[in-house]
Amino acid sequence: MKFMIIYSYPAENFLPVVKAWGSLSPQERASVGDGAKKIGHWHDVVGRRAFAVVESNDLAAVARWVGGWNNLGDAIITPVLDDEEAGAVAQQVAADHNA
């Protein structure tokens, strides 16, 4: 299962966030802990936002990783589908409603 995580940080936490993130090695940035795999991570540094997509069968594993940043801002974890998965769901929804 894929999850999109949207982070937002208040202005007063901007410097602590960039300091913490900037100090991580590339390997540390790529790691989301046991039980999850990072697909991608994108940043709006000036807007103090970021989002990541991770894959895991264990929501608790994703929550543990996200929880490590919760002292600096807010995060929303949302299950998401890729294009192929969403297309299959769309076809089924249309079929279910005779569309």
Protein backbone atom coordinates (compact mmCIF):
# COMPACT_ATOMS: atom_id res chain seq x y z
CA MET A 1 0.00 0.00 0.00
CA LYS A 2 1.20 3.51 -0.80
CA PHE A 3 0.90 6.48 1.53
CA MET A 4 1.34 10.18 0.81
CA ILE A 5 2.66 12.17 3.73
CA ILE A 6 2.22 15.93 3.67
CA TYR A 7 4.32 17.91 6.14
CA SER A 8 3.92 21.56 7.09
CA TYR A 9 6.08 23.53 9.47
CA PRO A 10 5.35 26.82 11.23
CA ALA A 11 7.67 29.76 10.56
CA GLU A 12 9.25 29.51 14.00
CA ASN A 13 10.42 25.96 13.19
CA PHE A 14 11.89 26.78 9.77
CA LEU A 15 15.52 26.92 10.91
CA PRO A 16 15.33 23.83 13.16
CA VAL A 17 13.79 21.85 10.28
CA VAL A 18 16.35 22.89 7.66
CA LYS A 19 19.15 22.31 10.14
CA ALA A 20 17.88 18.82 11.03
CA TRP A 21 17.14 17.81 7.42
CA GLY A 22 20.33 19.35 6.08
CA SER A 23 22.46 17.45 8.59
CA LEU A 24 21.18 14.05 7.42
CA SER A 25 23.33 11.93 5.12
CA PRO A 26 21.83 10.79 1.81
CA GLN A 27 21.39 7.32 3.34
CA GLU A 28 19.57 8.77 6.35
CA ARG A 29 17.32 10.84 4.07
CA ALA A 30 16.46 7.72 2.06
CA SER A 31 15.61 5.63 5.12
CA VAL A 32 12.07 5.46 6.45
CA GLY A 33 12.81 2.74 8.96
CA ASP A 34 11.95 -0.92 8.98
CA GLY A 35 8.77 -1.98 7.23
CA ALA A 36 8.51 0.85 4.70
CA LYS A 37 10.17 1.98 1.46
CA LYS A 38 10.43 5.59 0.32
CA ILE A 39 9.28 6.11 -3.27
CA GLY A 40 9.99 9.83 -3.37
CA HIS A 41 10.24 12.99 -1.31
CA TRP A 42 9.71 16.56 -2.54
CA HIS A 43 10.20 19.89 -0.76
CA ASP A 44 8.81 23.41 -0.91
CA VAL A 45 11.52 24.87 1.31
CA VAL A 46 10.29 28.48 1.16
CA GLY A 47 6.68 27.40 1.74
CA ARG A 48 7.79 25.21 4.68
CA ARG A 49 6.09 22.15 3.21
CA ALA A 50 7.16 18.74 1.98
CA PHE A 51 5.52 15.59 0.80
CA ALA A 52 6.68 12.04 0.53
CA VAL A 53 5.28 8.84 -0.91
CA VAL A 54 6.15 5.62 0.86
CA GLU A 55 5.12 2.03 0.34
CA SER A 56 4.33 -0.30 3.22
CA ASN A 57 1.91 -2.95 4.38
CA ASP A 58 2.34 -1.60 7.90
CA LEU A 59 0.76 1.78 8.70
CA ALA A 60 2.39 1.66 12.13
CA ALA A 61 5.84 1.56 10.48
CA VAL A 62 4.96 4.65 8.44
CA ALA A 63 3.58 6.41 11.53
CA ARG A 64 6.78 5.69 13.47
CA TRP A 65 8.86 7.38 10.78
CA VAL A 66 6.51 10.36 10.48
CA GLY A 67 6.33 10.66 14.27
CA GLY A 68 10.04 11.39 14.38
CA TRP A 69 9.34 14.80 12.81
CA ASN A 70 6.09 15.67 14.62
CA ASN A 71 7.85 17.80 17.21
CA LEU A 72 8.67 20.27 14.42
CA GLY A 73 5.41 20.45 12.48
CA ASP A 74 2.26 18.73 11.35
CA ALA A 75 1.86 15.70 9.11
CA ILE A 76 -1.05 14.08 7.33
CA ILE A 77 -0.81 10.45 6.18
CA THR A 78 -3.14 9.53 3.31
CA PRO A 79 -3.42 6.18 1.49
CA VAL A 80 -3.02 6.74 -2.27
CA LEU A 81 -3.23 4.78 -5.51
CA ASP A 82 -0.89 5.02 -8.51
CA ASP A 83 -2.32 5.60 -12.01
CA GLU A 84 -2.75 1.90 -12.78
CA GLU A 85 -4.47 1.18 -9.47
CA ALA A 86 -6.68 4.27 -9.73
CA GLY A 87 -7.61 3.34 -13.30
CA ALA A 88 -8.76 -0.10 -12.18
CA VAL A 89 -10.82 1.45 -9.38
CA ALA A 90 -12.33 3.98 -11.79
CA GLN A 91 -13.36 1.20 -14.17
CA GLN A 92 -14.97 -0.73 -11.32
CA VAL A 93 -16.82 2.35 -10.03
CA ALA A 94 -18.14 3.04 -13.52
CA ALA A 95 -19.21 -0.60 -13.90
CA ASP A 96 -20.88 -0.57 -10.49
CA HIS A 97 -22.98 2.42 -11.59
CA ASN A 98 -23.61 1.22 -15.15
CA ALA A 99 -21.74 4.24 -16.48
